[in-house]
Amino acid sequence: MAKRKKRRVSRSKKTEYPPFVWMLFGLAIGLSVAFAVYVNSNEPTPAANVDAPAPASLQDTIDYNDETPAAPAATEKPEDKRFTFYDILPNFEVITPETAPEVEADVAPKAIDEPGVYVLQAGSFSTNKDADRRRAELALHGIESHIQRVKVNDKNYHRVYIGPTDDLDELNMLRSRLRAAKIDVFRIRLSD
């Protein structure tokens, strides 16, 4: 008969801790070190009572031309002013006129009566998306426009143009429709 081998159970079994216990142990050490650094850095440092050096006096360089100088006034320690704005402000006075200038707003621009070929610029945008949005807005108002790409100082701009047209009645009608839609336009005269 075959003998069974018995496993020896060792009594000196090593107990291993799970990894989260080691993680918590390391976290506790790290937090305690951080707390110690925080407490040490917030301790008030003893202020050294060092008197500020007195400014160099120009009293020795003044020539009184053989006259006896007057006794210096009692020098008081001036307060260290942080802002000089409050000392400077009273020295400046701004005079405003009592009546406002008469300015009239140009509510209704004058109609164009000088013959020629004109283009209306309805905007200049840095992105094509914004220019296309303006073009769609104009299309909703029944105004046909196109986008022209222009390069100025190494930057691309997309300008929305309406026209060209040489019919002054049509041009003035377009301007009034755009003004009613609160769209600012720039009138450009191309030629006669």
N, C-alpha and C. Protein backbone atom coordinates (compact mmCIF):
# COMPACT_ATOMS: atom_id res chain seq x y z
N MET A 1 0.80 -1.15 0.00
CA MET A 1 0.00 0.00 0.00
C MET A 1 0.87 1.24 0.00
N ALA A 2 0.38 2.15 -0.73
CA ALA A 2 1.17 3.38 -0.84
C ALA A 2 0.89 4.28 0.34
N LYS A 3 1.93 4.82 0.79
CA LYS A 3 1.76 5.70 1.93
C LYS A 3 1.44 7.11 1.43
N ARG A 4 0.58 7.68 2.13
CA ARG A 4 0.26 9.06 1.80
C ARG A 4 1.26 9.97 2.45
N LYS A 5 1.62 10.92 1.61
CA LYS A 5 2.54 11.90 2.17
C LYS A 5 1.74 13.04 2.76
N LYS A 6 2.09 13.34 3.89
CA LYS A 6 1.40 14.44 4.56
C LYS A 6 2.17 15.73 4.31
N ARG A 7 1.41 16.69 4.07
CA ARG A 7 2.03 18.01 3.91
C ARG A 7 2.36 18.55 5.27
N ARG A 8 3.48 19.13 5.29
CA ARG A 8 3.85 19.73 6.55
C ARG A 8 3.29 21.15 6.59
N VAL A 9 2.63 21.42 7.60
CA VAL A 9 2.11 22.77 7.80
C VAL A 9 3.13 23.50 8.62
N SER A 10 3.64 24.54 8.00
CA SER A 10 4.66 25.27 8.74
C SER A 10 3.99 26.26 9.67
N ARG A 11 4.48 26.28 10.79
CA ARG A 11 3.92 27.16 11.79
C ARG A 11 4.45 28.58 11.63
N SER A 12 5.48 28.75 10.91
CA SER A 12 6.05 30.09 10.73
C SER A 12 5.50 30.72 9.45
N LYS A 13 4.23 30.73 9.32
CA LYS A 13 3.57 31.28 8.14
C LYS A 13 3.69 32.80 8.19
N LYS A 14 4.16 33.35 7.07
CA LYS A 14 4.32 34.80 7.01
C LYS A 14 2.98 35.42 6.68
N THR A 15 2.64 36.45 7.42
CA THR A 15 1.39 37.14 7.14
C THR A 15 1.72 38.35 6.28
N GLU A 16 1.07 38.41 5.12
CA GLU A 16 1.27 39.55 4.24
C GLU A 16 0.06 40.44 4.34
N TYR A 17 0.32 41.74 4.30
CA TYR A 17 -0.78 42.71 4.37
C TYR A 17 -1.25 43.02 2.97
N PRO A 18 -2.53 43.29 2.81
CA PRO A 18 -3.04 43.64 1.48
C PRO A 18 -2.48 45.00 1.03
N PRO A 19 -2.45 45.25 -0.26
CA PRO A 19 -1.83 46.48 -0.78
C PRO A 19 -2.50 47.76 -0.29
N PHE A 20 -3.81 47.75 -0.04
CA PHE A 20 -4.45 49.00 0.39
C PHE A 20 -3.98 49.42 1.77
N VAL A 21 -3.55 48.45 2.60
CA VAL A 21 -3.03 48.80 3.93
C VAL A 21 -1.72 49.57 3.76
N TRP A 22 -0.87 49.10 2.86
CA TRP A 22 0.40 49.80 2.61
C TRP A 22 0.12 51.19 2.02
N MET A 23 -0.90 51.29 1.16
CA MET A 23 -1.24 52.59 0.58
C MET A 23 -1.69 53.56 1.66
N LEU A 24 -2.53 53.09 2.57
CA LEU A 24 -3.00 53.95 3.66
C LEU A 24 -1.85 54.35 4.58
N PHE A 25 -0.93 53.44 4.80
CA PHE A 25 0.23 53.73 5.64
C PHE A 25 1.09 54.82 4.99
N GLY A 26 1.34 54.72 3.70
CA GLY A 26 2.12 55.73 2.99
C GLY A 26 1.42 57.08 2.94
N LEU A 27 0.11 57.05 2.78
CA LEU A 27 -0.68 58.28 2.76
C LEU A 27 -0.61 58.97 4.12
N ALA A 28 -0.70 58.20 5.20
CA ALA A 28 -0.62 58.78 6.54
C ALA A 28 0.73 59.43 6.78
N ILE A 29 1.79 58.79 6.34
CA ILE A 29 3.13 59.37 6.50
C ILE A 29 3.25 60.65 5.68
N GLY A 30 2.79 60.62 4.45
CA GLY A 30 2.88 61.81 3.60
C GLY A 30 2.09 62.97 4.16
N LEU A 31 0.89 62.70 4.66
CA LEU A 31 0.08 63.79 5.23
C LEU A 31 0.70 64.34 6.49
N SER A 32 1.31 63.50 7.29
CA SER A 32 1.94 64.01 8.52
C SER A 32 3.15 64.87 8.19
N VAL A 33 3.91 64.51 7.18
CA VAL A 33 5.05 65.34 6.77
C VAL A 33 4.55 66.68 6.21
N ALA A 34 3.50 66.64 5.40
CA ALA A 34 2.95 67.87 4.84
C ALA A 34 2.41 68.77 5.94
N PHE A 35 1.76 68.20 6.95
CA PHE A 35 1.24 68.99 8.06
C PHE A 35 2.38 69.63 8.84
N ALA A 36 3.46 68.89 9.06
CA ALA A 36 4.61 69.43 9.79
C ALA A 36 5.24 70.60 9.02
N VAL A 37 5.34 70.48 7.72
CA VAL A 37 5.90 71.56 6.91
C VAL A 37 4.98 72.78 6.96
N TYR A 38 3.67 72.55 6.91
CA TYR A 38 2.70 73.63 6.96
C TYR A 38 2.78 74.38 8.29
N VAL A 39 2.87 73.65 9.39
CA VAL A 39 2.94 74.28 10.71
C VAL A 39 4.23 75.07 10.85
N ASN A 40 5.33 74.53 10.37
CA ASN A 40 6.61 75.24 10.49
C ASN A 40 6.66 76.48 9.61
N SER A 41 6.00 76.46 8.46
CA SER A 41 6.06 77.62 7.58
C SER A 41 5.13 78.73 8.05
N ASN A 42 4.14 78.42 8.87
CA ASN A 42 3.20 79.44 9.35
C ASN A 42 3.58 80.04 10.68
N GLU A 43 4.67 79.62 11.24
CA GLU A 43 5.10 80.21 12.50
C GLU A 43 5.55 81.63 12.25
N PRO A 44 5.12 82.56 13.11
CA PRO A 44 5.57 83.93 12.90
C PRO A 44 7.06 84.05 13.20
N THR A 45 7.74 84.67 12.29
CA THR A 45 9.17 84.86 12.49
C THR A 45 9.37 86.09 13.35
N PRO A 46 10.30 86.03 14.24
CA PRO A 46 10.51 87.20 15.09
C PRO A 46 11.00 88.37 14.24
N ALA A 47 10.32 89.50 14.41
CA ALA A 47 10.68 90.69 13.64
C ALA A 47 11.93 91.31 14.23
N ALA A 48 12.86 91.54 13.39
CA ALA A 48 14.11 92.15 13.85
C ALA A 48 13.88 93.65 13.98
N ASN A 49 14.25 94.20 15.09
CA ASN A 49 14.11 95.63 15.31
C ASN A 49 15.31 96.34 14.74
N VAL A 50 15.31 96.45 13.45
CA VAL A 50 16.40 97.13 12.79
C VAL A 50 15.89 98.50 12.39
N ASP A 51 16.56 99.51 12.86
CA ASP A 51 16.15 100.86 12.49
C ASP A 51 16.55 101.11 11.05
N ALA A 52 15.65 101.77 10.34
CA ALA A 52 15.94 102.10 8.96
C ALA A 52 17.06 103.12 8.93
N PRO A 53 17.99 102.96 8.02
CA PRO A 53 19.09 103.91 7.99
C PRO A 53 18.57 105.30 7.62
N ALA A 54 19.12 106.27 8.26
CA ALA A 54 18.72 107.65 8.00
C ALA A 54 19.20 108.04 6.61
N PRO A 55 18.37 108.79 5.87
CA PRO A 55 18.80 109.18 4.53
C PRO A 55 19.99 110.13 4.59
N ALA A 56 20.76 110.04 3.56
CA ALA A 56 21.94 110.90 3.52
C ALA A 56 21.46 112.35 3.45
N SER A 57 22.02 113.17 4.27
CA SER A 57 21.59 114.56 4.35
C SER A 57 22.39 115.41 3.39
N LEU A 58 21.72 116.33 2.79
CA LEU A 58 22.39 117.28 1.91
C LEU A 58 22.79 118.53 2.66
N GLN A 59 22.61 118.53 3.98
CA GLN A 59 22.89 119.70 4.80
C GLN A 59 24.36 120.09 4.71
N ASP A 60 25.25 119.14 4.56
CA ASP A 60 26.66 119.45 4.51
C ASP A 60 27.05 120.08 3.18
N THR A 61 26.29 119.90 2.16
CA THR A 61 26.66 120.42 0.85
C THR A 61 26.11 121.80 0.58
N ILE A 62 25.25 122.32 1.46
CA ILE A 62 24.67 123.64 1.25
C ILE A 62 25.67 124.70 1.68
N ASP A 63 25.87 125.68 0.81
CA ASP A 63 26.76 126.80 1.14
C ASP A 63 25.90 127.98 1.53
N TYR A 64 26.05 128.47 2.76
CA TYR A 64 25.21 129.55 3.25
C TYR A 64 25.84 130.93 2.99
N ASN A 65 26.91 131.01 2.29
CA ASN A 65 27.60 132.27 1.99
C ASN A 65 27.91 133.06 3.25
N ASP A 66 28.50 132.42 4.17
CA ASP A 66 28.92 133.01 5.45
C ASP A 66 27.75 133.55 6.27
N GLU A 67 26.59 133.03 6.07
CA GLU A 67 25.43 133.40 6.88
C GLU A 67 25.18 132.27 7.87
N THR A 68 24.56 132.62 8.95
CA THR A 68 24.26 131.58 9.92
C THR A 68 22.95 130.92 9.53
N PRO A 69 22.97 129.63 9.45
CA PRO A 69 21.75 128.94 9.06
C PRO A 69 20.71 128.98 10.17
N ALA A 70 19.48 128.99 9.75
CA ALA A 70 18.40 128.97 10.73
C ALA A 70 18.36 127.59 11.37
N ALA A 71 17.90 127.58 12.58
CA ALA A 71 17.83 126.30 13.29
C ALA A 71 16.83 125.40 12.57
N PRO A 72 17.22 124.17 12.32
CA PRO A 72 16.29 123.27 11.62
C PRO A 72 15.06 123.01 12.46
N ALA A 73 13.94 122.93 11.80
CA ALA A 73 12.69 122.66 12.49
C ALA A 73 12.74 121.25 13.06
N ALA A 74 11.93 121.07 14.05
CA ALA A 74 11.90 119.74 14.67
C ALA A 74 11.45 118.74 13.60
N THR A 75 12.32 117.79 13.36
CA THR A 75 12.01 116.81 12.32
C THR A 75 11.15 115.72 12.92
N GLU A 76 10.01 115.58 12.33
CA GLU A 76 9.12 114.51 12.75
C GLU A 76 9.29 113.36 11.75
N LYS A 77 9.09 112.20 12.23
CA LYS A 77 9.20 111.05 11.34
C LYS A 77 7.96 111.02 10.46
N PRO A 78 8.14 111.22 9.15
CA PRO A 78 6.95 111.22 8.29
C PRO A 78 6.39 109.81 8.19
N GLU A 79 5.05 109.77 8.05
CA GLU A 79 4.41 108.48 7.92
C GLU A 79 4.76 107.90 6.56
N ASP A 80 4.93 106.64 6.53
CA ASP A 80 5.23 105.97 5.27
C ASP A 80 3.93 105.86 4.48
N LYS A 81 3.78 106.71 3.47
CA LYS A 81 2.55 106.72 2.69
C LYS A 81 2.64 105.66 1.61
N ARG A 82 1.61 104.91 1.53
CA ARG A 82 1.57 103.85 0.54
C ARG A 82 1.14 104.38 -0.81
N PHE A 83 0.21 105.33 -0.81
CA PHE A 83 -0.30 105.89 -2.05
C PHE A 83 -0.10 107.41 -2.02
N THR A 84 0.33 107.95 -3.12
CA THR A 84 0.46 109.40 -3.23
C THR A 84 -0.67 109.98 -4.05
N PHE A 85 -1.59 109.16 -4.48
CA PHE A 85 -2.71 109.61 -5.31
C PHE A 85 -3.51 110.69 -4.61
N TYR A 86 -3.74 110.52 -3.32
CA TYR A 86 -4.57 111.47 -2.59
C TYR A 86 -3.87 112.80 -2.40
N ASP A 87 -2.56 112.84 -2.47
CA ASP A 87 -1.83 114.10 -2.40
C ASP A 87 -1.80 114.79 -3.76
N ILE A 88 -1.74 114.02 -4.83
CA ILE A 88 -1.62 114.57 -6.17
C ILE A 88 -2.97 115.05 -6.69
N LEU A 89 -4.04 114.37 -6.36
CA LEU A 89 -5.36 114.66 -6.92
C LEU A 89 -5.83 116.09 -6.68
N PRO A 90 -5.70 116.64 -5.49
CA PRO A 90 -6.19 118.02 -5.32
C PRO A 90 -5.43 119.04 -6.16
N ASN A 91 -4.26 118.73 -6.64
CA ASN A 91 -3.48 119.68 -7.43
C ASN A 91 -3.98 119.78 -8.87
N PHE A 92 -4.78 118.84 -9.29
CA PHE A 92 -5.28 118.84 -10.66
C PHE A 92 -6.75 119.26 -10.66
N GLU A 93 -7.07 120.11 -11.60
CA GLU A 93 -8.44 120.57 -11.72
C GLU A 93 -8.88 120.41 -13.16
N VAL A 94 -10.01 119.80 -13.35
CA VAL A 94 -10.55 119.60 -14.68
C VAL A 94 -11.75 120.53 -14.81
N ILE A 95 -11.70 121.39 -15.79
CA ILE A 95 -12.79 122.33 -16.00
C ILE A 95 -13.67 121.78 -17.11
N THR A 96 -14.93 121.60 -16.79
CA THR A 96 -15.89 121.11 -17.78
C THR A 96 -16.81 122.25 -18.16
N PRO A 97 -17.17 122.30 -19.44
CA PRO A 97 -18.07 123.39 -19.85
C PRO A 97 -19.45 123.21 -19.24
N GLU A 98 -20.13 124.33 -18.98
CA GLU A 98 -21.44 124.26 -18.36
C GLU A 98 -22.50 123.80 -19.34
N THR A 99 -22.32 124.10 -20.61
CA THR A 99 -23.30 123.68 -21.61
C THR A 99 -22.68 122.58 -22.46
N ALA A 100 -23.51 121.65 -22.82
CA ALA A 100 -23.05 120.54 -23.64
C ALA A 100 -22.93 121.02 -25.09
N PRO A 101 -21.96 120.51 -25.83
CA PRO A 101 -21.85 120.92 -27.22
C PRO A 101 -23.06 120.43 -28.01
N GLU A 102 -23.44 121.21 -28.98
CA GLU A 102 -24.60 120.85 -29.78
C GLU A 102 -24.18 119.88 -30.87
N VAL A 103 -24.61 118.65 -30.72
CA VAL A 103 -24.30 117.61 -31.69
C VAL A 103 -25.61 116.98 -32.11
N GLU A 104 -25.81 116.90 -33.39
CA GLU A 104 -27.01 116.27 -33.89
C GLU A 104 -26.63 114.94 -34.53
N ALA A 105 -27.36 113.92 -34.18
CA ALA A 105 -27.10 112.61 -34.75
C ALA A 105 -27.62 112.57 -36.18
N ASP A 106 -26.87 111.89 -37.02
CA ASP A 106 -27.27 111.76 -38.42
C ASP A 106 -28.23 110.58 -38.51
N VAL A 107 -29.51 110.84 -38.21
CA VAL A 107 -30.50 109.78 -38.16
C VAL A 107 -30.82 109.28 -39.56
N ALA A 108 -31.04 110.20 -40.49
CA ALA A 108 -31.39 109.81 -41.85
C ALA A 108 -30.27 110.25 -42.79
N PRO A 109 -29.44 109.31 -43.25
CA PRO A 109 -28.37 109.71 -44.15
C PRO A 109 -28.94 110.22 -45.48
N LYS A 110 -28.18 111.05 -46.10
CA LYS A 110 -28.61 111.65 -47.37
C LYS A 110 -28.60 110.60 -48.47
N ALA A 111 -29.52 110.77 -49.38
CA ALA A 111 -29.59 109.88 -50.53
C ALA A 111 -28.41 110.18 -51.45
N ILE A 112 -27.92 109.15 -52.11
CA ILE A 112 -26.81 109.30 -53.04
C ILE A 112 -27.37 109.85 -54.35
N ASP A 113 -26.81 111.00 -54.80
CA ASP A 113 -27.29 111.58 -56.05
C ASP A 113 -26.17 111.79 -57.05
N GLU A 114 -24.96 111.39 -56.70
CA GLU A 114 -23.83 111.51 -57.61
C GLU A 114 -23.73 110.23 -58.44
N PRO A 115 -23.82 110.34 -59.77
CA PRO A 115 -23.81 109.12 -60.58
C PRO A 115 -22.47 108.40 -60.51
N GLY A 116 -22.53 107.09 -60.68
CA GLY A 116 -21.34 106.27 -60.65
C GLY A 116 -21.70 104.83 -60.35
N VAL A 117 -20.69 103.97 -60.29
CA VAL A 117 -20.90 102.56 -59.95
C VAL A 117 -20.52 102.39 -58.49
N TYR A 118 -21.45 101.83 -57.70
CA TYR A 118 -21.26 101.71 -56.26
C TYR A 118 -21.37 100.26 -55.82
N VAL A 119 -20.69 99.98 -54.72
CA VAL A 119 -20.78 98.69 -54.03
C VAL A 119 -21.04 99.00 -52.56
N LEU A 120 -21.90 98.23 -51.92
CA LEU A 120 -22.15 98.36 -50.49
C LEU A 120 -21.44 97.22 -49.77
N GLN A 121 -20.64 97.55 -48.76
CA GLN A 121 -19.97 96.52 -47.96
C GLN A 121 -20.77 96.36 -46.67
N ALA A 122 -21.31 95.18 -46.47
CA ALA A 122 -22.17 94.91 -45.31
C ALA A 122 -21.40 94.31 -44.15
N GLY A 123 -20.10 94.28 -44.22
CA GLY A 123 -19.31 93.78 -43.11
C GLY A 123 -18.01 93.18 -43.57
N SER A 124 -17.04 93.16 -42.66
CA SER A 124 -15.75 92.53 -42.90
C SER A 124 -15.47 91.65 -41.69
N PHE A 125 -15.26 90.36 -41.93
CA PHE A 125 -15.15 89.40 -40.84
C PHE A 125 -13.85 88.62 -40.95
N SER A 126 -13.36 88.16 -39.80
CA SER A 126 -12.11 87.40 -39.79
C SER A 126 -12.33 85.94 -40.15
N THR A 127 -13.55 85.45 -40.03
CA THR A 127 -13.82 84.06 -40.39
C THR A 127 -14.89 83.99 -41.47
N ASN A 128 -14.78 82.98 -42.29
CA ASN A 128 -15.75 82.80 -43.37
C ASN A 128 -17.13 82.45 -42.80
N LYS A 129 -17.16 81.82 -41.66
CA LYS A 129 -18.42 81.43 -41.03
C LYS A 129 -19.24 82.67 -40.67
N ASP A 130 -18.59 83.70 -40.10
CA ASP A 130 -19.30 84.92 -39.75
C ASP A 130 -19.78 85.66 -40.99
N ALA A 131 -18.94 85.69 -42.03
CA ALA A 131 -19.33 86.35 -43.28
C ALA A 131 -20.50 85.62 -43.92
N ASP A 132 -20.50 84.30 -43.86
CA ASP A 132 -21.59 83.53 -44.43
C ASP A 132 -22.89 83.75 -43.64
N ARG A 133 -22.76 83.96 -42.34
CA ARG A 133 -23.92 84.25 -41.51
C ARG A 133 -24.54 85.59 -41.92
N ARG A 134 -23.70 86.60 -42.18
CA ARG A 134 -24.20 87.90 -42.62
C ARG A 134 -24.86 87.79 -44.00
N ARG A 135 -24.25 86.99 -44.86
CA ARG A 135 -24.81 86.79 -46.21
C ARG A 135 -26.19 86.14 -46.13
N ALA A 136 -26.35 85.18 -45.21
CA ALA A 136 -27.65 84.53 -45.02
C ALA A 136 -28.67 85.51 -44.46
N GLU A 137 -28.22 86.39 -43.56
CA GLU A 137 -29.11 87.40 -43.00
C GLU A 137 -29.60 88.35 -44.09
N LEU A 138 -28.70 88.72 -45.00
CA LEU A 138 -29.09 89.58 -46.11
C LEU A 138 -30.06 88.85 -47.05
N ALA A 139 -29.84 87.56 -47.25
CA ALA A 139 -30.73 86.78 -48.12
C ALA A 139 -32.13 86.71 -47.52
N LEU A 140 -32.25 86.67 -46.21
CA LEU A 140 -33.56 86.67 -45.58
C LEU A 140 -34.31 87.98 -45.84
N HIS A 141 -33.56 89.05 -46.06
CA HIS A 141 -34.18 90.35 -46.37
C HIS A 141 -34.35 90.54 -47.87
N GLY A 142 -34.01 89.53 -48.65
CA GLY A 142 -34.19 89.60 -50.09
C GLY A 142 -33.09 90.36 -50.81
N ILE A 143 -31.90 90.41 -50.22
CA ILE A 143 -30.78 91.15 -50.81
C ILE A 143 -29.71 90.15 -51.20
N GLU A 144 -29.30 90.21 -52.46
CA GLU A 144 -28.28 89.29 -52.96
C GLU A 144 -26.90 89.87 -52.66
N SER A 145 -26.00 89.03 -52.17
CA SER A 145 -24.64 89.50 -51.81
C SER A 145 -23.64 88.40 -52.13
N HIS A 146 -22.37 88.77 -52.06
CA HIS A 146 -21.31 87.78 -52.26
C HIS A 146 -20.16 88.09 -51.29
N ILE A 147 -19.31 87.08 -51.05
CA ILE A 147 -18.20 87.20 -50.11
C ILE A 147 -16.91 87.26 -50.90
N GLN A 148 -16.06 88.21 -50.54
CA GLN A 148 -14.75 88.34 -51.18
C GLN A 148 -13.68 88.20 -50.10
N ARG A 149 -12.71 87.33 -50.35
CA ARG A 149 -11.62 87.10 -49.40
C ARG A 149 -10.49 88.06 -49.73
N VAL A 150 -9.99 88.77 -48.70
CA VAL A 150 -8.95 89.78 -48.87
C VAL A 150 -7.87 89.50 -47.83
N LYS A 151 -6.60 89.71 -48.22
CA LYS A 151 -5.49 89.53 -47.29
C LYS A 151 -4.90 90.91 -46.98
N VAL A 152 -4.94 91.31 -45.70
CA VAL A 152 -4.43 92.60 -45.26
C VAL A 152 -3.46 92.33 -44.11
N ASN A 153 -2.20 92.76 -44.27
CA ASN A 153 -1.16 92.57 -43.24
C ASN A 153 -1.08 91.11 -42.78
N ASP A 154 -1.03 90.22 -43.72
CA ASP A 154 -0.91 88.78 -43.49
C ASP A 154 -2.08 88.19 -42.70
N LYS A 155 -3.22 88.87 -42.72
CA LYS A 155 -4.43 88.34 -42.09
C LYS A 155 -5.52 88.27 -43.15
N ASN A 156 -6.29 87.21 -43.11
CA ASN A 156 -7.38 87.02 -44.07
C ASN A 156 -8.65 87.62 -43.51
N TYR A 157 -9.35 88.38 -44.36
CA TYR A 157 -10.64 88.96 -44.02
C TYR A 157 -11.64 88.55 -45.09
N HIS A 158 -12.87 88.39 -44.68
CA HIS A 158 -13.94 88.01 -45.59
C HIS A 158 -14.94 89.16 -45.59
N ARG A 159 -15.05 89.83 -46.74
CA ARG A 159 -15.93 90.99 -46.87
C ARG A 159 -17.20 90.60 -47.60
N VAL A 160 -18.31 91.11 -47.08
CA VAL A 160 -19.61 90.83 -47.68
C VAL A 160 -20.00 92.05 -48.51
N TYR A 161 -20.09 91.85 -49.84
CA TYR A 161 -20.40 92.94 -50.76
C TYR A 161 -21.79 92.76 -51.35
N ILE A 162 -22.47 93.90 -51.57
CA ILE A 162 -23.74 93.95 -52.27
C ILE A 162 -23.51 94.80 -53.51
N GLY A 163 -23.79 94.26 -54.64
CA GLY A 163 -23.62 95.02 -55.88
C GLY A 163 -22.50 94.45 -56.69
N PRO A 164 -22.00 95.13 -57.65
CA PRO A 164 -22.03 96.56 -57.96
C PRO A 164 -23.31 96.95 -58.70
N THR A 165 -23.69 98.21 -58.54
CA THR A 165 -24.85 98.74 -59.23
C THR A 165 -24.59 100.18 -59.62
N ASP A 166 -25.20 100.59 -60.74
CA ASP A 166 -25.09 101.98 -61.16
C ASP A 166 -26.44 102.68 -61.10
N ASP A 167 -27.48 101.96 -60.66
CA ASP A 167 -28.81 102.53 -60.52
C ASP A 167 -28.91 103.17 -59.13
N LEU A 168 -28.97 104.51 -59.08
CA LEU A 168 -28.98 105.23 -57.82
C LEU A 168 -30.26 104.97 -57.02
N ASP A 169 -31.38 104.81 -57.70
CA ASP A 169 -32.65 104.53 -57.00
C ASP A 169 -32.58 103.18 -56.29
N GLU A 170 -32.03 102.17 -56.97
CA GLU A 170 -31.89 100.85 -56.36
C GLU A 170 -30.92 100.91 -55.19
N LEU A 171 -29.83 101.66 -55.34
CA LEU A 171 -28.83 101.79 -54.29
C LEU A 171 -29.42 102.44 -53.05
N ASN A 172 -30.16 103.52 -53.23
CA ASN A 172 -30.78 104.21 -52.10
C ASN A 172 -31.85 103.33 -51.43
N MET A 173 -32.59 102.55 -52.24
CA MET A 173 -33.58 101.65 -51.68
C MET A 173 -32.90 100.56 -50.83
N LEU A 174 -31.78 100.00 -51.33
CA LEU A 174 -31.03 98.98 -50.58
C LEU A 174 -30.53 99.56 -49.25
N ARG A 175 -30.01 100.77 -49.29
CA ARG A 175 -29.50 101.40 -48.06
C ARG A 175 -30.61 101.59 -47.04
N SER A 176 -31.79 102.01 -47.49
CA SER A 176 -32.88 102.22 -46.54
C SER A 176 -33.39 100.89 -45.98
N ARG A 177 -33.42 99.83 -46.80
CA ARG A 177 -33.83 98.51 -46.29
C ARG A 177 -32.83 97.98 -45.27
N LEU A 178 -31.55 98.19 -45.54
CA LEU A 178 -30.53 97.73 -44.60
C LEU A 178 -30.57 98.55 -43.30
N ARG A 179 -30.83 99.85 -43.41
CA ARG A 179 -30.94 100.69 -42.22
C ARG A 179 -32.13 100.23 -41.38
N ALA A 180 -33.24 99.87 -42.03
CA ALA A 180 -34.41 99.37 -41.30
C ALA A 180 -34.11 98.04 -40.62
N ALA A 181 -33.25 97.23 -41.23
CA ALA A 181 -32.87 95.94 -40.63
C ALA A 181 -31.73 96.09 -39.63
N LYS A 182 -31.28 97.34 -39.40
CA LYS A 182 -30.19 97.66 -38.47
C LYS A 182 -28.89 96.96 -38.85
N ILE A 183 -28.59 96.99 -40.15
CA ILE A 183 -27.33 96.46 -40.66
C ILE A 183 -26.54 97.64 -41.20
N ASP A 184 -25.37 97.88 -40.63
CA ASP A 184 -24.54 98.98 -41.08
C ASP A 184 -23.85 98.60 -42.38
N VAL A 185 -23.82 99.55 -43.32
CA VAL A 185 -23.15 99.30 -44.59
C VAL A 185 -22.18 100.43 -44.86
N PHE A 186 -21.20 100.12 -45.67
CA PHE A 186 -20.17 101.07 -46.07
C PHE A 186 -20.27 101.22 -47.59
N ARG A 187 -20.47 102.44 -48.05
CA ARG A 187 -20.66 102.70 -49.47
C ARG A 187 -19.29 102.93 -50.11
N ILE A 188 -19.02 102.21 -51.19
CA ILE A 188 -17.75 102.33 -51.92
C ILE A 188 -18.08 102.69 -53.37
N ARG A 189 -17.49 103.78 -53.83
CA ARG A 189 -17.69 104.19 -55.21
C ARG A 189 -16.56 103.61 -56.06
N LEU A 190 -16.92 102.82 -57.06
CA LEU A 190 -15.92 102.18 -57.89
C LEU A 190 -15.46 103.09 -59.03
N SER A 191 -16.39 103.64 -59.79
CA SER A 191 -16.01 104.51 -60.92
C SER A 191 -17.21 105.32 -61.33
N ASP A 192 -17.03 106.16 -62.39
CA ASP A 192 -18.12 106.98 -62.93
C ASP A 192 -18.97 106.21 -63.89
